[in-house]
Amino acid sequence: MPSHRLGRRAGLYFAAFGALSSLLFVVGIYFAVAESAHLAREEYFLYGLGAAALLLTWLIAQSGIWLARRAVAPVIDLAARIAASEPGQPTKVLALDDIGELAQVLERYLERIRGCAERERAFASDVSHELRTPLAVIRGAVEVLEDDAGLNESQRNRLARIDRASYDMTELTSALLRMSREESGLTTPPDNCSIASVVRESVEKYRSLDGAIAIAIDLNIVDAPLLPVEKGLATVVVDNLIGNAILHAQSSQVHVCLERSRLVISDTGKGIDKADLERIFQRHYRGPDSQGSGIGLSLVKRVCDLHGWDIVIDSTPGLGTAAQLFFGKRPVT
């Protein structure tokens, strides 16, 4: 090596920054020279070059984040406006770019959902309204027949059952009509309803079926809560839960217990498989041995959701099923 290069050192340094899938190379060559001032200048230059490289990397990263946020901002804005929109209220249409096309597709889909929901509410409202007249005719005919002195005790009992059933149907149609209005936000909260009274009437209704069922109903009313719910809707929930327990009970008894915060209905029947248990609240879903239309429990869930109640059904195949109706959110255990 030539004497004039003795004591000199050369180095190559690089730094890799992978956040933006790019590499930044910093090359520095320094020499160990005798003059300390010249060496200090070179070191300061390298430090400055490294700092500039770091600053440039940070700026590139911030630019990438800003561009990404700007790209998805319309989607985030659309999601927020959809979540906050009221039924029937269209969302603002965005520009005709890729994000705007996505927004328009979502808007059309939401319009289809709104249309289906509106038709369902209109149907429930129409049916509830139109059933009032024939039910009034039935109740009027029952009143006329009850004045017939020639009826025996058995005939009068049957007339009383017809009158009771027509009354329940009248209450139900009024409740369904009110529910369709409540879901549209077009009504005021109902008066308080005695849940104990609803449970007693439901139990007596099933007990009076004159041998049509061979199941005894054990009723235990621990408390009598008063809740702001239409009586007809509370009757829909209680009737369906007790009726399902009676239908699927294989033993001779169904237990009904009313407490301040919940209603528990249990049986010792064959139980429900886990796969069926996950779908029992779906509209028109029917289990393997079901004889119904698959509407009862979906209607129960709908009423519960409307009033902020929780419905929980636990079942073990071969041991039975227990339905718990919490008048509010169920406690966390």
C-alpha atoms as a PDB file:
ATOM      1  CA  MET A   1       0.000   0.000   0.000  1.00  0.00           C
ATOM      2  CA  PRO A   2       1.417   3.459  -0.830  1.00  0.00           C
ATOM      3  CA  SER A   3       2.797   5.330   2.135  1.00  0.00           C
ATOM      4  CA  HIS A   4       0.513   8.325   1.554  1.00  0.00           C
ATOM      5  CA  ARG A   5      -2.568   6.123   2.211  1.00  0.00           C
ATOM      6  CA  LEU A   6      -1.335   4.552   5.427  1.00  0.00           C
ATOM      7  CA  GLY A   7      -3.603   5.145   8.416  1.00  0.00           C
ATOM      8  CA  ARG A   8      -6.682   5.880   6.308  1.00  0.00           C
ATOM      9  CA  ARG A   9      -9.976   3.964   6.744  1.00  0.00           C
ATOM     10  CA  ALA A  10     -12.989   3.727   4.485  1.00  0.00           C
ATOM     11  CA  GLY A  11     -16.487   2.636   5.489  1.00  0.00           C
ATOM     12  CA  LEU A  12     -19.895   2.036   3.829  1.00  0.00           C
ATOM     13  CA  TYR A  13     -22.990   2.514   5.946  1.00  0.00           C
ATOM     14  CA  PHE A  14     -26.655   1.910   5.069  1.00  0.00           C
ATOM     15  CA  ALA A  15     -30.017   2.057   6.843  1.00  0.00           C
ATOM     16  CA  ALA A  16     -33.152   0.149   5.721  1.00  0.00           C
ATOM     17  CA  PHE A  17     -36.659   1.549   6.353  1.00  0.00           C
ATOM     18  CA  GLY A  18     -39.386  -0.989   5.467  1.00  0.00           C
ATOM     19  CA  ALA A  19     -42.568   0.857   6.569  1.00  0.00           C
ATOM     20  CA  LEU A  20     -43.239   2.052   3.015  1.00  0.00           C
ATOM     21  CA  SER A  21     -41.641  -0.932   1.273  1.00  0.00           C
ATOM     22  CA  SER A  22     -38.642   1.168   0.277  1.00  0.00           C
ATOM     23  CA  LEU A  23     -34.955   1.225   1.100  1.00  0.00           C
ATOM     24  CA  LEU A  24     -32.902   4.270   1.867  1.00  0.00           C
ATOM     25  CA  PHE A  25     -29.171   3.956   1.587  1.00  0.00           C
ATOM     26  CA  VAL A  26     -26.808   6.390   3.221  1.00  0.00           C
ATOM     27  CA  VAL A  27     -23.246   6.087   2.033  1.00  0.00           C
ATOM     28  CA  GLY A  28     -20.499   7.645   3.995  1.00  0.00           C
ATOM     29  CA  ILE A  29     -16.814   7.476   3.447  1.00  0.00           C
ATOM     30  CA  TYR A  30     -14.561   8.856   5.999  1.00  0.00           C
ATOM     31  CA  PHE A  31     -10.862   9.008   6.392  1.00  0.00           C
ATOM     32  CA  ALA A  32      -8.762   9.097   9.471  1.00  0.00           C
ATOM     33  CA  VAL A  33      -6.573  12.072   8.865  1.00  0.00           C
ATOM     34  CA  ALA A  34      -4.246  13.952  11.001  1.00  0.00           C
ATOM     35  CA  GLU A  35      -6.142  17.195  10.907  1.00  0.00           C
ATOM     36  CA  SER A  36      -8.819  17.014  13.667  1.00  0.00           C
ATOM     37  CA  ALA A  37     -10.839  19.904  12.208  1.00  0.00           C
ATOM     38  CA  HIS A  38     -11.256  18.152   8.879  1.00  0.00           C
ATOM     39  CA  LEU A  39     -12.361  14.958  10.639  1.00  0.00           C
ATOM     40  CA  ALA A  40     -14.959  16.831  12.706  1.00  0.00           C
ATOM     41  CA  ARG A  41     -16.469  18.402   9.586  1.00  0.00           C
ATOM     42  CA  GLU A  42     -16.863  15.012   7.974  1.00  0.00           C
ATOM     43  CA  GLU A  43     -18.526  13.568  11.076  1.00  0.00           C
ATOM     44  CA  TYR A  44     -20.974  16.484  11.288  1.00  0.00           C
ATOM     45  CA  PHE A  45     -21.757  16.000   7.620  1.00  0.00           C
ATOM     46  CA  LEU A  46     -22.562  12.326   8.155  1.00  0.00           C
ATOM     47  CA  TYR A  47     -24.716  13.107  11.197  1.00  0.00           C
ATOM     48  CA  GLY A  48     -26.611  15.720   9.225  1.00  0.00           C
ATOM     49  CA  LEU A  49     -27.053  13.372   6.302  1.00  0.00           C
ATOM     50  CA  GLY A  50     -28.458  10.665   8.616  1.00  0.00           C
ATOM     51  CA  ALA A  51     -30.844  13.113  10.278  1.00  0.00           C
ATOM     52  CA  ALA A  52     -32.016  14.339   6.892  1.00  0.00           C
ATOM     53  CA  ALA A  53     -32.635  10.755   5.815  1.00  0.00           C
ATOM     54  CA  LEU A  54     -34.685  10.051   8.936  1.00  0.00           C
ATOM     55  CA  LEU A  55     -36.689  13.242   8.444  1.00  0.00           C
ATOM     56  CA  LEU A  56     -37.362  12.350   4.814  1.00  0.00           C
ATOM     57  CA  THR A  57     -38.539   8.878   5.810  1.00  0.00           C
ATOM     58  CA  TRP A  58     -40.869  10.329   8.438  1.00  0.00           C
ATOM     59  CA  LEU A  59     -42.330  12.776   5.915  1.00  0.00           C
ATOM     60  CA  ILE A  60     -42.915   9.978   3.395  1.00  0.00           C
ATOM     61  CA  ALA A  61     -44.619   7.865   6.067  1.00  0.00           C
ATOM     62  CA  GLN A  62     -46.878  10.728   7.147  1.00  0.00           C
ATOM     63  CA  SER A  63     -47.779  11.421   3.525  1.00  0.00           C
ATOM     64  CA  GLY A  64     -48.726   7.775   3.037  1.00  0.00           C
ATOM     65  CA  ILE A  65     -50.928   7.784   6.137  1.00  0.00           C
ATOM     66  CA  TRP A  66     -52.624  11.008   5.018  1.00  0.00           C
ATOM     67  CA  LEU A  67     -53.288   9.618   1.534  1.00  0.00           C
ATOM     68  CA  ALA A  68     -54.681   6.369   2.977  1.00  0.00           C
ATOM     69  CA  ARG A  69     -57.006   8.224   5.322  1.00  0.00           C
ATOM     70  CA  ARG A  70     -58.168  10.476   2.524  1.00  0.00           C
ATOM     71  CA  ALA A  71     -58.901   7.439   0.343  1.00  0.00           C
ATOM     72  CA  VAL A  72     -61.083   5.666   2.948  1.00  0.00           C
ATOM     73  CA  ALA A  73     -62.649   8.804   4.435  1.00  0.00           C
ATOM     74  CA  PRO A  74     -65.733   8.612   2.145  1.00  0.00           C
ATOM     75  CA  VAL A  75     -66.373   4.998   3.208  1.00  0.00           C
ATOM     76  CA  ILE A  76     -66.052   5.886   6.901  1.00  0.00           C
ATOM     77  CA  ASP A  77     -68.347   8.879   6.392  1.00  0.00           C
ATOM     78  CA  LEU A  78     -70.884   6.725   4.553  1.00  0.00           C
ATOM     79  CA  ALA A  79     -70.875   4.107   7.324  1.00  0.00           C
ATOM     80  CA  ALA A  80     -71.410   6.797   9.966  1.00  0.00           C
ATOM     81  CA  ARG A  81     -74.327   8.373   8.072  1.00  0.00           C
ATOM     82  CA  ILE A  82     -75.959   4.983   7.451  1.00  0.00           C
ATOM     83  CA  ALA A  83     -75.700   4.145  11.172  1.00  0.00           C
ATOM     84  CA  ALA A  84     -77.240   7.496  12.126  1.00  0.00           C
ATOM     85  CA  SER A  85     -79.932   7.601   9.433  1.00  0.00           C
ATOM     86  CA  GLU A  86     -83.610   7.136  10.237  1.00  0.00           C
ATOM     87  CA  PRO A  87     -85.828   4.638   8.357  1.00  0.00           C
ATOM     88  CA  GLY A  88     -86.942   6.165   5.080  1.00  0.00           C
ATOM     89  CA  GLN A  89     -84.301   8.905   5.135  1.00  0.00           C
ATOM     90  CA  PRO A  90     -81.966   8.643   2.115  1.00  0.00           C
ATOM     91  CA  THR A  91     -78.258   9.104   2.602  1.00  0.00           C
ATOM     92  CA  LYS A  92     -76.280  11.760   0.731  1.00  0.00           C
ATOM     93  CA  VAL A  93     -74.917  10.526  -2.598  1.00  0.00           C
ATOM     94  CA  LEU A  94     -71.162  10.838  -2.998  1.00  0.00           C
ATOM     95  CA  ALA A  95     -69.147  11.727  -6.104  1.00  0.00           C
ATOM     96  CA  LEU A  96     -69.207   9.357  -9.061  1.00  0.00           C
ATOM     97  CA  ASP A  97     -65.875   7.658  -8.346  1.00  0.00           C
ATOM     98  CA  ASP A  98     -65.159   4.144  -7.073  1.00  0.00           C
ATOM     99  CA  ILE A  99     -66.157   5.073  -3.528  1.00  0.00           C
ATOM    100  CA  GLY A 100     -69.239   6.875  -4.832  1.00  0.00           C
ATOM    101  CA  GLU A 101     -70.326   3.776  -6.755  1.00  0.00           C
ATOM    102  CA  LEU A 102     -69.944   1.683  -3.587  1.00  0.00           C
ATOM    103  CA  ALA A 103     -72.042   4.224  -1.695  1.00  0.00           C
ATOM    104  CA  GLN A 104     -74.788   4.081  -4.336  1.00  0.00           C
ATOM    105  CA  VAL A 105     -74.839   0.265  -4.241  1.00  0.00           C
ATOM    106  CA  LEU A 106     -75.209   0.352  -0.454  1.00  0.00           C
ATOM    107  CA  GLU A 107     -77.918   3.001  -0.750  1.00  0.00           C
ATOM    108  CA  ARG A 108     -79.931   0.891  -3.192  1.00  0.00           C
ATOM    109  CA  TYR A 109     -79.607  -2.113  -0.902  1.00  0.00           C
ATOM    110  CA  LEU A 110     -80.759  -0.061   2.081  1.00  0.00           C
ATOM    111  CA  GLU A 111     -83.744   1.175   0.074  1.00  0.00           C
ATOM    112  CA  ARG A 112     -84.751  -2.438  -0.592  1.00  0.00           C
ATOM    113  CA  ILE A 113     -84.503  -3.232   3.133  1.00  0.00           C
ATOM    114  CA  ARG A 114     -86.530  -0.129   4.006  1.00  0.00           C
ATOM    115  CA  GLY A 115     -89.152  -1.105   1.446  1.00  0.00           C
ATOM    116  CA  CYS A 116     -89.480  -4.623   2.867  1.00  0.00           C
ATOM    117  CA  ALA A 117     -89.757  -3.308   6.421  1.00  0.00           C
ATOM    118  CA  GLU A 118     -92.345  -0.735   5.380  1.00  0.00           C
ATOM    119  CA  ARG A 119     -94.442  -3.339   3.556  1.00  0.00           C
ATOM    120  CA  GLU A 120     -94.304  -5.600   6.607  1.00  0.00           C
ATOM    121  CA  ARG A 121     -95.450  -2.784   8.897  1.00  0.00           C
ATOM    122  CA  ALA A 122     -98.190  -1.813   6.458  1.00  0.00           C
ATOM    123  CA  PHE A 123     -99.397  -5.422   6.270  1.00  0.00           C
ATOM    124  CA  ALA A 124     -99.509  -5.784  10.058  1.00  0.00           C
ATOM    125  CA  SER A 125    -101.328  -2.480  10.332  1.00  0.00           C
ATOM    126  CA  ASP A 126    -103.863  -3.387   7.630  1.00  0.00           C
ATOM    127  CA  VAL A 127    -104.543  -6.854   8.998  1.00  0.00           C
ATOM    128  CA  SER A 128    -104.918  -5.560  12.541  1.00  0.00           C
ATOM    129  CA  HIS A 129    -107.329  -2.890  11.372  1.00  0.00           C
ATOM    130  CA  GLU A 130    -109.437  -5.178   9.178  1.00  0.00           C
ATOM    131  CA  LEU A 131    -109.775  -7.892  11.842  1.00  0.00           C
ATOM    132  CA  ARG A 132    -111.528  -5.535  14.218  1.00  0.00           C
ATOM    133  CA  THR A 133    -114.876  -5.728  12.428  1.00  0.00           C
ATOM    134  CA  PRO A 134    -115.240  -9.546  12.266  1.00  0.00           C
ATOM    135  CA  LEU A 135    -114.071  -9.842  15.862  1.00  0.00           C
ATOM    136  CA  ALA A 136    -116.672  -7.308  16.936  1.00  0.00           C
ATOM    137  CA  VAL A 137    -119.308  -9.373  15.097  1.00  0.00           C
ATOM    138  CA  ILE A 138    -118.209 -12.549  16.909  1.00  0.00           C
ATOM    139  CA  ARG A 139    -118.368 -10.871  20.308  1.00  0.00           C
ATOM    140  CA  GLY A 140    -121.781  -9.418  19.520  1.00  0.00           C
ATOM    141  CA  ALA A 141    -123.096 -12.859  18.529  1.00  0.00           C
ATOM    142  CA  VAL A 142    -121.736 -14.347  21.752  1.00  0.00           C
ATOM    143  CA  GLU A 143    -123.541 -11.713  23.825  1.00  0.00           C
ATOM    144  CA  VAL A 144    -126.813 -12.515  22.053  1.00  0.00           C
ATOM    145  CA  LEU A 145    -126.396 -16.259  22.630  1.00  0.00           C
ATOM    146  CA  GLU A 146    -125.584 -15.730  26.316  1.00  0.00           C
ATOM    147  CA  ASP A 147    -129.062 -14.226  26.749  1.00  0.00           C
ATOM    148  CA  ASP A 148    -130.635 -17.505  25.598  1.00  0.00           C
ATOM    149  CA  ALA A 149    -132.217 -19.074  28.696  1.00  0.00           C
ATOM    150  CA  GLY A 150    -132.273 -22.518  27.049  1.00  0.00           C
ATOM    151  CA  LEU A 151    -128.491 -22.977  27.163  1.00  0.00           C
ATOM    152  CA  ASN A 152    -127.121 -25.535  29.592  1.00  0.00           C
ATOM    153  CA  GLU A 153    -123.971 -25.114  31.683  1.00  0.00           C
ATOM    154  CA  SER A 154    -121.689 -26.851  29.201  1.00  0.00           C
ATOM    155  CA  GLN A 155    -122.889 -24.653  26.348  1.00  0.00           C
ATOM    156  CA  ARG A 156    -122.398 -21.517  28.414  1.00  0.00           C
ATOM    157  CA  ASN A 157    -118.831 -22.574  29.249  1.00  0.00           C
ATOM    158  CA  ARG A 158    -118.096 -22.973  25.567  1.00  0.00           C
ATOM    159  CA  LEU A 159    -119.587 -19.562  24.828  1.00  0.00           C
ATOM    160  CA  ALA A 160    -117.421 -18.077  27.542  1.00  0.00           C
ATOM    161  CA  ARG A 161    -114.347 -19.584  25.895  1.00  0.00           C
ATOM    162  CA  ILE A 162    -115.354 -18.149  22.523  1.00  0.00           C
ATOM    163  CA  ASP A 163    -115.909 -14.755  24.111  1.00  0.00           C
ATOM    164  CA  ARG A 164    -112.542 -14.931  25.847  1.00  0.00           C
ATOM    165  CA  ALA A 165    -110.759 -15.955  22.648  1.00  0.00           C
ATOM    166  CA  SER A 166    -112.372 -13.165  20.647  1.00  0.00           C
ATOM    167  CA  TYR A 167    -111.401 -10.681  23.349  1.00  0.00           C
ATOM    168  CA  ASP A 168    -107.802 -11.902  23.245  1.00  0.00           C
ATOM    169  CA  MET A 169    -107.800 -11.575  19.455  1.00  0.00           C
ATOM    170  CA  THR A 170    -109.077  -8.019  19.730  1.00  0.00           C
ATOM    171  CA  GLU A 171    -106.318  -7.190  22.205  1.00  0.00           C
ATOM    172  CA  LEU A 172    -103.742  -8.853  19.959  1.00  0.00           C
ATOM    173  CA  THR A 173    -104.754  -6.976  16.824  1.00  0.00           C
ATOM    174  CA  SER A 174    -104.639  -3.695  18.724  1.00  0.00           C
ATOM    175  CA  ALA A 175    -101.216  -4.606  20.079  1.00  0.00           C
ATOM    176  CA  LEU A 176     -99.842  -5.534  16.645  1.00  0.00           C
ATOM    177  CA  LEU A 177    -101.160  -2.294  15.237  1.00  0.00           C
ATOM    178  CA  ARG A 178     -99.502  -0.378  18.055  1.00  0.00           C
ATOM    179  CA  MET A 179     -96.231  -2.281  17.581  1.00  0.00           C
ATOM    180  CA  SER A 180     -96.075  -1.338  13.902  1.00  0.00           C
ATOM    181  CA  ARG A 181     -96.567   2.293  14.929  1.00  0.00           C
ATOM    182  CA  GLU A 182     -93.981   2.071  17.712  1.00  0.00           C
ATOM    183  CA  GLU A 183     -91.395   0.695  15.278  1.00  0.00           C
ATOM    184  CA  SER A 184     -92.084   3.725  13.099  1.00  0.00           C
ATOM    185  CA  GLY A 185     -91.836   6.062  16.091  1.00  0.00           C
ATOM    186  CA  LEU A 186     -95.429   7.214  15.667  1.00  0.00           C
ATOM    187  CA  THR A 187     -96.840   6.554  19.123  1.00  0.00           C
ATOM    188  CA  THR A 188     -96.347   7.365  22.791  1.00  0.00           C
ATOM    189  CA  PRO A 189     -95.276   4.800  25.429  1.00  0.00           C
ATOM    190  CA  PRO A 190     -98.149   2.626  26.699  1.00  0.00           C
ATOM    191  CA  ASP A 191     -99.485   2.529  30.244  1.00  0.00           C
ATOM    192  CA  ASN A 192     -98.059   0.083  32.767  1.00  0.00           C
ATOM    193  CA  CYS A 193     -99.245  -3.506  32.435  1.00  0.00           C
ATOM    194  CA  SER A 194     -99.468  -6.106  35.211  1.00  0.00           C
ATOM    195  CA  ILE A 195     -97.296  -8.995  34.043  1.00  0.00           C
ATOM    196  CA  ALA A 196     -98.687 -11.175  36.840  1.00  0.00           C
ATOM    197  CA  SER A 197    -102.187 -10.718  35.417  1.00  0.00           C
ATOM    198  CA  VAL A 198    -100.984 -11.650  31.943  1.00  0.00           C
ATOM    199  CA  VAL A 199     -99.228 -14.781  33.253  1.00  0.00           C
ATOM    200  CA  ARG A 200    -102.280 -15.895  35.278  1.00  0.00           C
ATOM    201  CA  GLU A 201    -104.621 -15.443  32.318  1.00  0.00           C
ATOM    202  CA  SER A 202    -102.283 -17.345  30.019  1.00  0.00           C
ATOM    203  CA  VAL A 203    -101.953 -20.250  32.455  1.00  0.00           C
ATOM    204  CA  GLU A 204    -105.724 -20.398  32.985  1.00  0.00           C
ATOM    205  CA  LYS A 205    -106.235 -20.332  29.233  1.00  0.00           C
ATOM    206  CA  TYR A 206    -104.146 -23.472  28.784  1.00  0.00           C
ATOM    207  CA  ARG A 207    -105.603 -25.144  31.860  1.00  0.00           C
ATOM    208  CA  SER A 208    -109.137 -24.703  30.474  1.00  0.00           C
ATOM    209  CA  LEU A 209    -108.555 -26.713  27.317  1.00  0.00           C
ATOM    210  CA  ASP A 210    -110.679 -29.568  28.729  1.00  0.00           C
ATOM    211  CA  GLY A 211    -108.242 -32.423  28.351  1.00  0.00           C
ATOM    212  CA  ALA A 212    -106.720 -31.188  25.108  1.00  0.00           C
ATOM    213  CA  ILE A 213    -103.386 -31.201  26.921  1.00  0.00           C
ATOM    214  CA  ALA A 214    -102.174 -33.729  29.475  1.00  0.00           C
ATOM    215  CA  ILE A 215     -99.657 -31.359  31.025  1.00  0.00           C
ATOM    216  CA  ALA A 216    -100.089 -29.765  34.449  1.00  0.00           C
ATOM    217  CA  ILE A 217     -98.869 -26.190  34.794  1.00  0.00           C
ATOM    218  CA  ASP A 218     -97.170 -25.299  38.073  1.00  0.00           C
ATOM    219  CA  LEU A 219     -97.511 -21.531  38.606  1.00  0.00           C
ATOM    220  CA  ASN A 220     -95.440 -19.622  41.163  1.00  0.00           C
ATOM    221  CA  ILE A 221     -95.780 -15.816  41.298  1.00  0.00           C
ATOM    222  CA  VAL A 222     -93.055 -14.429  43.540  1.00  0.00           C
ATOM    223  CA  ASP A 223     -93.544 -10.791  42.542  1.00  0.00           C
ATOM    224  CA  ALA A 224     -95.928  -8.775  40.344  1.00  0.00           C
ATOM    225  CA  PRO A 225     -93.982  -6.290  38.219  1.00  0.00           C
ATOM    226  CA  LEU A 226     -95.728  -3.445  36.390  1.00  0.00           C
ATOM    227  CA  LEU A 227     -94.113  -2.691  33.025  1.00  0.00           C
ATOM    228  CA  PRO A 228     -94.766  -0.132  30.246  1.00  0.00           C
ATOM    229  CA  VAL A 229     -95.923  -2.564  27.572  1.00  0.00           C
ATOM    230  CA  GLU A 230     -99.122  -3.114  25.631  1.00  0.00           C
ATOM    231  CA  LYS A 231    -101.029  -5.954  27.295  1.00  0.00           C
ATOM    232  CA  GLY A 232    -101.623  -7.683  23.980  1.00  0.00           C
ATOM    233  CA  LEU A 233     -97.899  -7.766  23.221  1.00  0.00           C
ATOM    234  CA  ALA A 234     -97.085  -9.105  26.698  1.00  0.00           C
ATOM    235  CA  THR A 235     -99.720 -11.781  26.105  1.00  0.00           C
ATOM    236  CA  VAL A 236     -98.084 -12.716  22.788  1.00  0.00           C
ATOM    237  CA  VAL A 237     -94.758 -13.301  24.550  1.00  0.00           C
ATOM    238  CA  VAL A 238     -96.141 -15.238  27.527  1.00  0.00           C
ATOM    239  CA  ASP A 239     -98.564 -17.348  25.475  1.00  0.00           C
ATOM    240  CA  ASN A 240     -95.866 -18.389  23.032  1.00  0.00           C
ATOM    241  CA  LEU A 241     -93.363 -19.326  25.727  1.00  0.00           C
ATOM    242  CA  ILE A 242     -95.868 -21.328  27.791  1.00  0.00           C
ATOM    243  CA  GLY A 243     -97.376 -22.911  24.678  1.00  0.00           C
ATOM    244  CA  ASN A 244     -93.964 -24.038  23.423  1.00  0.00           C
ATOM    245  CA  ALA A 245     -93.128 -25.546  26.812  1.00  0.00           C
ATOM    246  CA  ILE A 246     -96.411 -27.485  26.849  1.00  0.00           C
ATOM    247  CA  LEU A 247     -95.958 -28.625  23.254  1.00  0.00           C
ATOM    248  CA  HIS A 248     -92.468 -30.034  23.813  1.00  0.00           C
ATOM    249  CA  ALA A 249     -92.794 -31.272  27.395  1.00  0.00           C
ATOM    250  CA  GLN A 250     -92.577 -35.031  27.705  1.00  0.00           C
ATOM    251  CA  SER A 251     -93.220 -35.121  31.432  1.00  0.00           C
ATOM    252  CA  SER A 252     -96.527 -34.235  33.028  1.00  0.00           C
ATOM    253  CA  GLN A 253     -95.627 -30.763  34.255  1.00  0.00           C
ATOM    254  CA  VAL A 254     -94.430 -27.327  33.133  1.00  0.00           C
ATOM    255  CA  HIS A 255     -93.071 -24.854  35.683  1.00  0.00           C
ATOM    256  CA  VAL A 256     -93.825 -21.125  35.424  1.00  0.00           C
ATOM    257  CA  CYS A 257     -92.177 -18.730  37.879  1.00  0.00           C
ATOM    258  CA  LEU A 258     -92.618 -14.939  37.806  1.00  0.00           C
ATOM    259  CA  GLU A 259     -90.116 -12.765  39.668  1.00  0.00           C
ATOM    260  CA  ARG A 260     -89.603  -9.020  39.771  1.00  0.00           C
ATOM    261  CA  SER A 261     -86.998  -8.960  37.009  1.00  0.00           C
ATOM    262  CA  ARG A 262     -87.719 -12.096  35.007  1.00  0.00           C
ATOM    263  CA  LEU A 263     -90.153 -14.824  33.993  1.00  0.00           C
ATOM    264  CA  VAL A 264     -88.851 -18.403  33.912  1.00  0.00           C
ATOM    265  CA  ILE A 265     -90.691 -21.192  32.064  1.00  0.00           C
ATOM    266  CA  SER A 266     -89.156 -24.653  32.151  1.00  0.00           C
ATOM    267  CA  ASP A 267     -89.993 -28.190  31.147  1.00  0.00           C
ATOM    268  CA  THR A 268     -88.342 -31.616  31.323  1.00  0.00           C
ATOM    269  CA  GLY A 269     -88.923 -32.530  27.695  1.00  0.00           C
ATOM    270  CA  LYS A 270     -86.517 -33.881  25.107  1.00  0.00           C
ATOM    271  CA  GLY A 271     -84.684 -30.563  24.757  1.00  0.00           C
ATOM    272  CA  ILE A 272     -83.378 -28.742  21.692  1.00  0.00           C
ATOM    273  CA  ASP A 273     -80.233 -29.545  19.739  1.00  0.00           C
ATOM    274  CA  LYS A 274     -77.530 -26.876  19.724  1.00  0.00           C
ATOM    275  CA  ALA A 275     -77.812 -26.345  15.957  1.00  0.00           C
ATOM    276  CA  ASP A 276     -81.555 -25.687  16.271  1.00  0.00           C
ATOM    277  CA  LEU A 277     -81.130 -23.559  19.404  1.00  0.00           C
ATOM    278  CA  GLU A 278     -79.016 -21.037  17.480  1.00  0.00           C
ATOM    279  CA  ARG A 279     -81.808 -20.506  14.924  1.00  0.00           C
ATOM    280  CA  ILE A 280     -85.041 -20.704  16.903  1.00  0.00           C
ATOM    281  CA  PHE A 281     -85.634 -16.933  16.751  1.00  0.00           C
ATOM    282  CA  GLN A 282     -85.329 -16.813  12.962  1.00  0.00           C
ATOM    283  CA  ARG A 283     -88.602 -16.111  11.196  1.00  0.00           C
ATOM    284  CA  HIS A 284     -90.177 -19.219   9.612  1.00  0.00           C
ATOM    285  CA  TYR A 285     -87.515 -21.515  11.062  1.00  0.00           C
ATOM    286  CA  ARG A 286     -88.974 -24.821  12.205  1.00  0.00           C
ATOM    287  CA  GLY A 287     -87.205 -27.567  14.094  1.00  0.00           C
ATOM    288  CA  PRO A 288     -87.309 -31.218  12.980  1.00  0.00           C
ATOM    289  CA  ASP A 289     -90.400 -32.020  15.082  1.00  0.00           C
ATOM    290  CA  SER A 290     -92.052 -28.602  14.981  1.00  0.00           C
ATOM    291  CA  GLN A 291     -95.742 -28.377  14.131  1.00  0.00           C
ATOM    292  CA  GLY A 292     -95.972 -24.589  13.994  1.00  0.00           C
ATOM    293  CA  SER A 293     -95.326 -22.005  11.314  1.00  0.00           C
ATOM    294  CA  GLY A 294     -92.021 -20.752  12.721  1.00  0.00           C
ATOM    295  CA  ILE A 295     -93.393 -17.295  13.524  1.00  0.00           C
ATOM    296  CA  GLY A 296     -94.121 -17.459  17.271  1.00  0.00           C
ATOM    297  CA  LEU A 297     -90.609 -17.161  18.696  1.00  0.00           C
ATOM    298  CA  SER A 298     -89.526 -14.642  16.060  1.00  0.00           C
ATOM    299  CA  LEU A 299     -92.474 -12.481  17.132  1.00  0.00           C
ATOM    300  CA  VAL A 300     -91.432 -12.955  20.783  1.00  0.00           C
ATOM    301  CA  LYS A 301     -87.912 -11.762  19.934  1.00  0.00           C
ATOM    302  CA  ARG A 302     -89.309  -8.791  18.043  1.00  0.00           C
ATOM    303  CA  VAL A 303     -91.434  -7.678  21.008  1.00  0.00           C
ATOM    304  CA  CYS A 304     -88.481  -8.135  23.366  1.00  0.00           C
ATOM    305  CA  ASP A 305     -86.184  -6.061  21.161  1.00  0.00           C
ATOM    306  CA  LEU A 306     -88.798  -3.316  20.933  1.00  0.00           C
ATOM    307  CA  HIS A 307     -89.055  -3.027  24.728  1.00  0.00           C
ATOM    308  CA  GLY A 308     -85.403  -3.628  25.630  1.00  0.00           C
ATOM    309  CA  TRP A 309     -86.016  -7.075  27.147  1.00  0.00           C
ATOM    310  CA  ASP A 310     -83.711 -10.092  26.916  1.00  0.00           C
ATOM    311  CA  ILE A 311     -84.949 -13.570  26.054  1.00  0.00           C
ATOM    312  CA  VAL A 312     -82.593 -16.461  26.796  1.00  0.00           C
ATOM    313  CA  ILE A 313     -83.372 -20.107  26.068  1.00  0.00           C
ATOM    314  CA  ASP A 314     -81.156 -22.826  27.516  1.00  0.00           C
ATOM    315  CA  SER A 315     -81.674 -26.432  26.587  1.00  0.00           C
ATOM    316  CA  THR A 316     -79.997 -29.796  27.080  1.00  0.00           C
ATOM    317  CA  PRO A 317     -81.063 -32.635  24.779  1.00  0.00           C
ATOM    318  CA  GLY A 318     -82.793 -35.326  26.807  1.00  0.00           C
ATOM    319  CA  LEU A 319     -83.192 -33.143  29.915  1.00  0.00           C
ATOM    320  CA  GLY A 320     -85.434 -30.241  28.953  1.00  0.00           C
ATOM    321  CA  THR A 321     -85.578 -26.545  28.169  1.00  0.00           C
ATOM    322  CA  ALA A 322     -85.742 -23.365  30.234  1.00  0.00           C
ATOM    323  CA  ALA A 323     -86.787 -19.991  28.804  1.00  0.00           C
ATOM    324  CA  GLN A 324     -85.845 -16.884  30.782  1.00  0.00           C
ATOM    325  CA  LEU A 325     -87.502 -13.574  29.930  1.00  0.00           C
ATOM    326  CA  PHE A 326     -85.623 -10.671  31.535  1.00  0.00           C
ATOM    327  CA  PHE A 327     -87.564  -7.411  31.822  1.00  0.00           C
ATOM    328  CA  GLY A 328     -84.511  -5.413  30.832  1.00  0.00           C
ATOM    329  CA  LYS A 329     -80.963  -6.507  30.133  1.00  0.00           C
ATOM    330  CA  ARG A 330     -80.017  -9.755  31.824  1.00  0.00           C
ATOM    331  CA  PRO A 331     -77.477  -9.403  34.643  1.00  0.00           C
ATOM    332  CA  VAL A 332     -73.855 -10.194  33.809  1.00  0.00           C
ATOM    333  CA  THR A 333     -72.670 -13.319  35.618  1.00  0.00           C
END
